Amino acid sequence: MLQKIKRDENIVYLKRFINGLLLGLLIFMLIKGIIVHTNGFPFFRFYLLSIIAIFCHLTLKKLYYTYWTFGLIFFALILIDVLTAFWMKPWLGIMGLLLLIAFLIVNYFLASPIYYPRVNWWEYDFRYRTDLKGKIILEDGTLIECRIADIRRKAACVHSFANFQTGSEFNLEIDLADKAVKSTVKIISNRQGIPGRPSIYGVQFPQNAFPIYQEIRRFWKQTAQLKNEHKFKKVLNG
């Protein structure tokens, strides 16, 4: 459903860190195989982990959502080896654990509305999607309707058919229950949708707009909860 994301410096550095950690964890496995496994080097396991790491690299390169599947499998397999290394060589286990912690931290920053917005692929009914109505206000006063979703970490996703460049700023007006709030946001990333689908812009709220962001975030969570409850009641009532 999402095809392309334009380059920005933050994601370049995140990708480099993750690829470096993948390589570091493979080196950890190599050292462990040489030192701990006295009955022979576990070629098959190392080959399997290398293949999974390559898939992590390829899917991360295009920011495909399948990266998280391969990343979770890689993490789980490495975690088993780290726990095993603690019993045999504690210093080796500590090295592997530090690499895994660093891997988790970098992926935490990657799991952001800017790069990997949460999308309810299974939700076919737009009435139950957790998004808010909004308007993009251009400098000449032009209003462009949009939808805002996945509001967290001082960022959000703006769904719009309009074309904007990464790095540009615009005023975003969001409709809450009884009023509309407005804030200037900066476009950090741009996922271009397939024909007939809007583009998804990852936008960042400025520091001085934190109270507005908190208000929007609170209303978005309440709206999501109400929609889920309404959908659940509808399913029970047939």
C-alpha atoms as a PDB file:
ATOM      1  CA  MET A   1       0.000   0.000   0.000  1.00  0.00           C
ATOM      2  CA  LEU A   2       2.973   2.301   0.593  1.00  0.00           C
ATOM      3  CA  GLN A   3       5.622   2.464  -2.087  1.00  0.00           C
ATOM      4  CA  LYS A   4       8.325   5.026  -1.638  1.00  0.00           C
ATOM      5  CA  ILE A   5       9.877   7.223   1.021  1.00  0.00           C
ATOM      6  CA  LYS A   6      12.095  10.182   0.209  1.00  0.00           C
ATOM      7  CA  ARG A   7      15.587  10.429   1.662  1.00  0.00           C
ATOM      8  CA  ASP A   8      16.320  12.487   4.762  1.00  0.00           C
ATOM      9  CA  GLU A   9      19.419  12.609   6.920  1.00  0.00           C
ATOM     10  CA  ASN A  10      17.897  11.132  10.099  1.00  0.00           C
ATOM     11  CA  ILE A  11      16.847   7.899   8.439  1.00  0.00           C
ATOM     12  CA  VAL A  12      20.232   7.602   6.728  1.00  0.00           C
ATOM     13  CA  TYR A  13      21.986   7.576  10.102  1.00  0.00           C
ATOM     14  CA  LEU A  14      19.447   5.190  11.643  1.00  0.00           C
ATOM     15  CA  LYS A  15      19.937   2.744   8.781  1.00  0.00           C
ATOM     16  CA  ARG A  16      23.707   2.921   9.165  1.00  0.00           C
ATOM     17  CA  PHE A  17      23.494   2.233  12.901  1.00  0.00           C
ATOM     18  CA  ILE A  18      21.178  -0.732  12.397  1.00  0.00           C
ATOM     19  CA  ASN A  19      23.281  -2.240   9.620  1.00  0.00           C
ATOM     20  CA  GLY A  20      26.371  -1.801  11.775  1.00  0.00           C
ATOM     21  CA  LEU A  21      24.663  -3.538  14.694  1.00  0.00           C
ATOM     22  CA  LEU A  22      23.513  -6.390  12.450  1.00  0.00           C
ATOM     23  CA  LEU A  23      27.116  -6.871  11.362  1.00  0.00           C
ATOM     24  CA  GLY A  24      28.309  -6.609  14.968  1.00  0.00           C
ATOM     25  CA  LEU A  25      25.860  -9.285  16.106  1.00  0.00           C
ATOM     26  CA  LEU A  26      26.984 -11.578  13.293  1.00  0.00           C
ATOM     27  CA  ILE A  27      30.588 -11.072  14.413  1.00  0.00           C
ATOM     28  CA  PHE A  28      29.454 -11.938  17.949  1.00  0.00           C
ATOM     29  CA  MET A  29      27.987 -15.178  16.572  1.00  0.00           C
ATOM     30  CA  LEU A  30      31.229 -15.902  14.731  1.00  0.00           C
ATOM     31  CA  ILE A  31      33.315 -15.426  17.886  1.00  0.00           C
ATOM     32  CA  LYS A  32      30.888 -17.504  19.926  1.00  0.00           C
ATOM     33  CA  GLY A  33      30.979 -20.289  17.350  1.00  0.00           C
ATOM     34  CA  ILE A  34      34.767 -20.382  17.451  1.00  0.00           C
ATOM     35  CA  ILE A  35      35.203 -20.151  21.241  1.00  0.00           C
ATOM     36  CA  VAL A  36      32.180 -21.889  22.753  1.00  0.00           C
ATOM     37  CA  HIS A  37      31.260 -24.619  20.281  1.00  0.00           C
ATOM     38  CA  THR A  38      34.019 -27.163  20.815  1.00  0.00           C
ATOM     39  CA  ASN A  39      32.183 -29.826  18.773  1.00  0.00           C
ATOM     40  CA  GLY A  40      32.490 -27.846  15.564  1.00  0.00           C
ATOM     41  CA  PHE A  41      31.432 -24.506  14.185  1.00  0.00           C
ATOM     42  CA  PRO A  42      27.610 -24.175  13.775  1.00  0.00           C
ATOM     43  CA  PHE A  43      27.710 -23.374  10.062  1.00  0.00           C
ATOM     44  CA  PHE A  44      23.986 -23.840   9.445  1.00  0.00           C
ATOM     45  CA  ARG A  45      22.930 -21.494  12.271  1.00  0.00           C
ATOM     46  CA  PHE A  46      25.437 -18.835  11.234  1.00  0.00           C
ATOM     47  CA  TYR A  47      24.318 -19.158   7.597  1.00  0.00           C
ATOM     48  CA  LEU A  48      20.656 -18.818   8.638  1.00  0.00           C
ATOM     49  CA  LEU A  49      21.338 -15.705  10.716  1.00  0.00           C
ATOM     50  CA  SER A  50      23.345 -14.189   7.864  1.00  0.00           C
ATOM     51  CA  ILE A  51      20.443 -14.712   5.448  1.00  0.00           C
ATOM     52  CA  ILE A  52      17.994 -13.125   7.899  1.00  0.00           C
ATOM     53  CA  ALA A  53      20.379 -10.187   8.430  1.00  0.00           C
ATOM     54  CA  ILE A  54      20.548  -9.671   4.659  1.00  0.00           C
ATOM     55  CA  PHE A  55      16.749  -9.597   4.460  1.00  0.00           C
ATOM     56  CA  CYS A  56      16.737  -7.083   7.336  1.00  0.00           C
ATOM     57  CA  HIS A  57      19.133  -4.904   5.369  1.00  0.00           C
ATOM     58  CA  LEU A  58      17.146  -5.132   2.127  1.00  0.00           C
ATOM     59  CA  THR A  59      13.742  -4.454   3.692  1.00  0.00           C
ATOM     60  CA  LEU A  60      15.142  -1.639   5.838  1.00  0.00           C
ATOM     61  CA  LYS A  61      16.660  -0.057   2.739  1.00  0.00           C
ATOM     62  CA  LYS A  62      13.179   0.478   1.272  1.00  0.00           C
ATOM     63  CA  LEU A  63      11.495   0.849   4.670  1.00  0.00           C
ATOM     64  CA  TYR A  64       9.191  -2.094   4.033  1.00  0.00           C
ATOM     65  CA  TYR A  65       7.089  -3.222   6.980  1.00  0.00           C
ATOM     66  CA  THR A  66       8.457  -6.766   6.586  1.00  0.00           C
ATOM     67  CA  TYR A  67      11.661  -5.455   8.176  1.00  0.00           C
ATOM     68  CA  TRP A  68      10.016  -5.856  11.582  1.00  0.00           C
ATOM     69  CA  THR A  69       9.252  -9.529  10.923  1.00  0.00           C
ATOM     70  CA  PHE A  70      12.823 -10.328   9.925  1.00  0.00           C
ATOM     71  CA  GLY A  71      14.188  -8.113  12.703  1.00  0.00           C
ATOM     72  CA  LEU A  72      12.110  -9.904  15.351  1.00  0.00           C
ATOM     73  CA  ILE A  73      13.249 -13.328  14.123  1.00  0.00           C
ATOM     74  CA  PHE A  74      16.880 -12.186  14.088  1.00  0.00           C
ATOM     75  CA  PHE A  75      16.573 -10.711  17.594  1.00  0.00           C
ATOM     76  CA  ALA A  76      14.973 -13.870  19.026  1.00  0.00           C
ATOM     77  CA  LEU A  77      17.646 -16.174  17.556  1.00  0.00           C
ATOM     78  CA  ILE A  78      20.501 -13.947  18.723  1.00  0.00           C
ATOM     79  CA  LEU A  79      18.962 -13.636  22.194  1.00  0.00           C
ATOM     80  CA  ILE A  80      19.113 -17.436  22.581  1.00  0.00           C
ATOM     81  CA  ASP A  81      22.819 -17.367  21.725  1.00  0.00           C
ATOM     82  CA  VAL A  82      23.458 -14.481  24.115  1.00  0.00           C
ATOM     83  CA  LEU A  83      21.835 -16.378  26.991  1.00  0.00           C
ATOM     84  CA  THR A  84      23.847 -19.472  26.084  1.00  0.00           C
ATOM     85  CA  ALA A  85      27.072 -17.462  26.004  1.00  0.00           C
ATOM     86  CA  PHE A  86      26.446 -16.211  29.558  1.00  0.00           C
ATOM     87  CA  TRP A  87      26.738 -19.766  30.849  1.00  0.00           C
ATOM     88  CA  MET A  88      29.959 -20.518  28.980  1.00  0.00           C
ATOM     89  CA  LYS A  89      31.762 -17.172  28.648  1.00  0.00           C
ATOM     90  CA  PRO A  90      30.182 -14.338  30.679  1.00  0.00           C
ATOM     91  CA  TRP A  91      32.276 -11.642  28.989  1.00  0.00           C
ATOM     92  CA  LEU A  92      31.034 -12.825  25.608  1.00  0.00           C
ATOM     93  CA  GLY A  93      27.453 -12.815  26.842  1.00  0.00           C
ATOM     94  CA  ILE A  94      27.850  -9.236  28.081  1.00  0.00           C
ATOM     95  CA  MET A  95      29.186  -8.176  24.688  1.00  0.00           C
ATOM     96  CA  GLY A  96      26.226  -9.744  22.914  1.00  0.00           C
ATOM     97  CA  LEU A  97      23.765  -8.247  25.404  1.00  0.00           C
ATOM     98  CA  LEU A  98      25.138  -4.731  24.901  1.00  0.00           C
ATOM     99  CA  LEU A  99      24.812  -5.110  21.138  1.00  0.00           C
ATOM    100  CA  LEU A 100      21.213  -6.318  21.514  1.00  0.00           C
ATOM    101  CA  ILE A 101      20.333  -3.397  23.800  1.00  0.00           C
ATOM    102  CA  ALA A 102      21.803  -0.968  21.273  1.00  0.00           C
ATOM    103  CA  PHE A 103      19.824  -2.745  18.529  1.00  0.00           C
ATOM    104  CA  LEU A 104      16.599  -2.270  20.500  1.00  0.00           C
ATOM    105  CA  ILE A 105      17.305   1.416  21.203  1.00  0.00           C
ATOM    106  CA  VAL A 106      17.957   2.281  17.555  1.00  0.00           C
ATOM    107  CA  ASN A 107      14.850   0.381  16.455  1.00  0.00           C
ATOM    108  CA  TYR A 108      12.828   2.287  19.047  1.00  0.00           C
ATOM    109  CA  PHE A 109      13.722   5.545  17.278  1.00  0.00           C
ATOM    110  CA  LEU A 110      12.949   3.917  13.931  1.00  0.00           C
ATOM    111  CA  ALA A 111       9.459   2.830  15.077  1.00  0.00           C
ATOM    112  CA  SER A 112       8.141   6.371  14.770  1.00  0.00           C
ATOM    113  CA  PRO A 113       5.180   7.911  12.926  1.00  0.00           C
ATOM    114  CA  ILE A 114       7.793   9.592  10.759  1.00  0.00           C
ATOM    115  CA  TYR A 115       9.306   6.398   9.352  1.00  0.00           C
ATOM    116  CA  TYR A 116       6.995   3.515  10.238  1.00  0.00           C
ATOM    117  CA  PRO A 117       3.488   4.849  10.881  1.00  0.00           C
ATOM    118  CA  ARG A 118       1.098   2.376  12.466  1.00  0.00           C
ATOM    119  CA  VAL A 119      -1.356   1.335   9.779  1.00  0.00           C
ATOM    120  CA  ASN A 120      -4.445  -0.785  10.411  1.00  0.00           C
ATOM    121  CA  TRP A 121      -4.097  -2.912   7.299  1.00  0.00           C
ATOM    122  CA  TRP A 122      -6.983  -5.118   8.431  1.00  0.00           C
ATOM    123  CA  GLU A 123      -9.460  -2.263   8.958  1.00  0.00           C
ATOM    124  CA  TYR A 124     -11.638  -2.064   5.849  1.00  0.00           C
ATOM    125  CA  ASP A 125     -14.283   0.266   7.329  1.00  0.00           C
ATOM    126  CA  PHE A 126     -13.087   3.882   7.402  1.00  0.00           C
ATOM    127  CA  ARG A 127     -15.566   4.698  10.180  1.00  0.00           C
ATOM    128  CA  TYR A 128     -13.388   2.790  12.659  1.00  0.00           C
ATOM    129  CA  ARG A 129      -9.977   4.002  11.583  1.00  0.00           C
ATOM    130  CA  THR A 130      -8.146   5.977  14.237  1.00  0.00           C
ATOM    131  CA  ASP A 131      -7.592   9.245  12.407  1.00  0.00           C
ATOM    132  CA  LEU A 132      -8.741  12.826  12.789  1.00  0.00           C
ATOM    133  CA  LYS A 133     -10.002  15.391  10.311  1.00  0.00           C
ATOM    134  CA  GLY A 134      -7.740  18.301   9.571  1.00  0.00           C
ATOM    135  CA  LYS A 135      -6.751  21.026   7.139  1.00  0.00           C
ATOM    136  CA  ILE A 136      -3.428  22.088   5.709  1.00  0.00           C
ATOM    137  CA  ILE A 137      -3.231  25.877   5.553  1.00  0.00           C
ATOM    138  CA  LEU A 138      -0.897  27.260   2.891  1.00  0.00           C
ATOM    139  CA  GLU A 139       0.738  30.688   2.932  1.00  0.00           C
ATOM    140  CA  ASP A 140      -1.828  32.104   0.515  1.00  0.00           C
ATOM    141  CA  GLY A 141      -4.670  30.940   2.766  1.00  0.00           C
ATOM    142  CA  THR A 142      -5.593  27.903   0.663  1.00  0.00           C
ATOM    143  CA  LEU A 143      -7.153  25.096   2.709  1.00  0.00           C
ATOM    144  CA  ILE A 144      -6.442  21.469   1.839  1.00  0.00           C
ATOM    145  CA  GLU A 145      -8.381  18.737   3.617  1.00  0.00           C
ATOM    146  CA  CYS A 146      -6.360  15.936   5.168  1.00  0.00           C
ATOM    147  CA  ARG A 147      -6.463  13.164   7.768  1.00  0.00           C
ATOM    148  CA  ILE A 148      -4.123  12.877  10.755  1.00  0.00           C
ATOM    149  CA  ALA A 149      -3.175   9.538  12.308  1.00  0.00           C
ATOM    150  CA  ASP A 150      -0.625   7.807  14.559  1.00  0.00           C
ATOM    151  CA  ILE A 151      -0.016  10.781  16.833  1.00  0.00           C
ATOM    152  CA  ARG A 152       2.882  10.002  19.188  1.00  0.00           C
ATOM    153  CA  ARG A 153       6.449  11.023  20.059  1.00  0.00           C
ATOM    154  CA  LYS A 154       5.757  14.670  19.139  1.00  0.00           C
ATOM    155  CA  ALA A 155       5.045  13.544  15.589  1.00  0.00           C
ATOM    156  CA  ALA A 156       2.110  12.469  13.427  1.00  0.00           C
ATOM    157  CA  CYS A 157       1.134  11.200   9.986  1.00  0.00           C
ATOM    158  CA  VAL A 158      -0.716  13.514   7.643  1.00  0.00           C
ATOM    159  CA  HIS A 159      -2.636  11.808   4.812  1.00  0.00           C
ATOM    160  CA  SER A 160      -3.090  14.165   1.870  1.00  0.00           C
ATOM    161  CA  PHE A 161      -3.369  14.091  -1.929  1.00  0.00           C
ATOM    162  CA  ALA A 162      -1.381  17.329  -2.145  1.00  0.00           C
ATOM    163  CA  ASN A 163       2.334  17.251  -2.994  1.00  0.00           C
ATOM    164  CA  PHE A 164       4.876  18.698  -0.550  1.00  0.00           C
ATOM    165  CA  GLN A 165       8.643  18.524  -0.328  1.00  0.00           C
ATOM    166  CA  THR A 166      10.490  16.970   2.595  1.00  0.00           C
ATOM    167  CA  GLY A 167      11.806  19.692   4.881  1.00  0.00           C
ATOM    168  CA  SER A 168       9.015  22.166   4.156  1.00  0.00           C
ATOM    169  CA  GLU A 169       6.637  23.528   6.791  1.00  0.00           C
ATOM    170  CA  PHE A 170       2.947  24.305   6.827  1.00  0.00           C
ATOM    171  CA  ASN A 171       0.200  25.184   9.299  1.00  0.00           C
ATOM    172  CA  LEU A 172      -1.895  22.214  10.331  1.00  0.00           C
ATOM    173  CA  GLU A 173      -5.395  22.683  11.735  1.00  0.00           C
ATOM    174  CA  ILE A 174      -6.958  19.684  13.495  1.00  0.00           C
ATOM    175  CA  ASP A 175     -10.609  19.377  14.446  1.00  0.00           C
ATOM    176  CA  LEU A 176     -11.150  18.290  18.052  1.00  0.00           C
ATOM    177  CA  ALA A 177     -14.464  17.691  19.811  1.00  0.00           C
ATOM    178  CA  ASP A 178     -15.577  21.290  20.239  1.00  0.00           C
ATOM    179  CA  LYS A 179     -12.823  23.335  18.632  1.00  0.00           C
ATOM    180  CA  ALA A 180      -9.978  23.371  16.146  1.00  0.00           C
ATOM    181  CA  VAL A 181      -6.318  23.712  17.134  1.00  0.00           C
ATOM    182  CA  LYS A 182      -3.561  24.937  14.880  1.00  0.00           C
ATOM    183  CA  SER A 183       0.185  24.341  14.834  1.00  0.00           C
ATOM    184  CA  THR A 184       3.099  24.697  12.448  1.00  0.00           C
ATOM    185  CA  VAL A 185       4.626  21.313  11.565  1.00  0.00           C
ATOM    186  CA  LYS A 186       7.689  20.276   9.586  1.00  0.00           C
ATOM    187  CA  ILE A 187       7.678  17.454   7.029  1.00  0.00           C
ATOM    188  CA  ILE A 188      10.410  14.940   7.839  1.00  0.00           C
ATOM    189  CA  SER A 189       9.420  12.116   5.486  1.00  0.00           C
ATOM    190  CA  ASN A 190       7.075  11.464   2.603  1.00  0.00           C
ATOM    191  CA  ARG A 191       5.617   8.066   1.750  1.00  0.00           C
ATOM    192  CA  GLN A 192       4.067   8.244  -1.692  1.00  0.00           C
ATOM    193  CA  GLY A 193       0.892   6.223  -2.035  1.00  0.00           C
ATOM    194  CA  ILE A 194      -0.165   4.178  -5.033  1.00  0.00           C
ATOM    195  CA  PRO A 195      -2.619   5.839  -7.483  1.00  0.00           C
ATOM    196  CA  GLY A 196      -5.892   6.582  -5.750  1.00  0.00           C
ATOM    197  CA  ARG A 197      -4.295   6.661  -2.290  1.00  0.00           C
ATOM    198  CA  PRO A 198      -3.031   9.767  -0.470  1.00  0.00           C
ATOM    199  CA  SER A 199       0.601  10.355   0.351  1.00  0.00           C
ATOM    200  CA  ILE A 200       1.586   9.984   4.003  1.00  0.00           C
ATOM    201  CA  TYR A 201       3.719  12.765   5.429  1.00  0.00           C
ATOM    202  CA  GLY A 202       5.631  12.209   8.644  1.00  0.00           C
ATOM    203  CA  VAL A 203       5.508  15.570  10.420  1.00  0.00           C
ATOM    204  CA  GLN A 204       7.212  16.843  13.566  1.00  0.00           C
ATOM    205  CA  PHE A 205       5.661  19.284  16.035  1.00  0.00           C
ATOM    206  CA  PRO A 206       7.977  22.071  17.267  1.00  0.00           C
ATOM    207  CA  GLN A 207       8.976  22.312  20.924  1.00  0.00           C
ATOM    208  CA  ASN A 208       6.820  25.384  21.543  1.00  0.00           C
ATOM    209  CA  ALA A 209       3.743  23.462  20.342  1.00  0.00           C
ATOM    210  CA  PHE A 210       4.059  20.696  22.935  1.00  0.00           C
ATOM    211  CA  PRO A 211       0.849  21.692  24.844  1.00  0.00           C
ATOM    212  CA  ILE A 212      -1.097  21.608  21.570  1.00  0.00           C
ATOM    213  CA  TYR A 213       0.447  18.253  20.692  1.00  0.00           C
ATOM    214  CA  GLN A 214      -0.564  16.827  24.091  1.00  0.00           C
ATOM    215  CA  GLU A 215      -4.132  18.018  23.564  1.00  0.00           C
ATOM    216  CA  ILE A 216      -4.273  16.440  20.112  1.00  0.00           C
ATOM    217  CA  ARG A 217      -2.709  13.218  21.364  1.00  0.00           C
ATOM    218  CA  ARG A 218      -5.184  12.965  24.238  1.00  0.00           C
ATOM    219  CA  PHE A 219      -8.179  13.524  21.943  1.00  0.00           C
ATOM    220  CA  TRP A 220      -6.833  11.040  19.378  1.00  0.00           C
ATOM    221  CA  LYS A 221      -6.501   8.308  22.032  1.00  0.00           C
ATOM    222  CA  GLN A 222     -10.025   8.984  23.298  1.00  0.00           C
ATOM    223  CA  THR A 223     -11.400   8.865  19.754  1.00  0.00           C
ATOM    224  CA  ALA A 224      -9.605   5.582  19.051  1.00  0.00           C
ATOM    225  CA  GLN A 225     -11.005   4.040  22.223  1.00  0.00           C
ATOM    226  CA  LEU A 226     -14.564   5.140  21.426  1.00  0.00           C
ATOM    227  CA  LYS A 227     -14.347   3.790  17.874  1.00  0.00           C
ATOM    228  CA  ASN A 228     -13.069   0.444  19.110  1.00  0.00           C
ATOM    229  CA  GLU A 229     -15.830   0.195  21.712  1.00  0.00           C
ATOM    230  CA  HIS A 230     -18.480   1.098  19.123  1.00  0.00           C
ATOM    231  CA  LYS A 231     -17.149  -1.478  16.696  1.00  0.00           C
ATOM    232  CA  PHE A 232     -17.034  -4.160  19.409  1.00  0.00           C
ATOM    233  CA  LYS A 233     -20.644  -3.467  20.411  1.00  0.00           C
ATOM    234  CA  LYS A 234     -21.696  -3.677  16.788  1.00  0.00           C
ATOM    235  CA  VAL A 235     -20.034  -7.080  16.411  1.00  0.00           C
ATOM    236  CA  LEU A 236     -21.748  -8.400  19.569  1.00  0.00           C
ATOM    237  CA  ASN A 237     -25.145  -7.091  18.467  1.00  0.00           C
ATOM    238  CA  GLY A 238     -24.688  -8.528  14.989  1.00  0.00           C
END
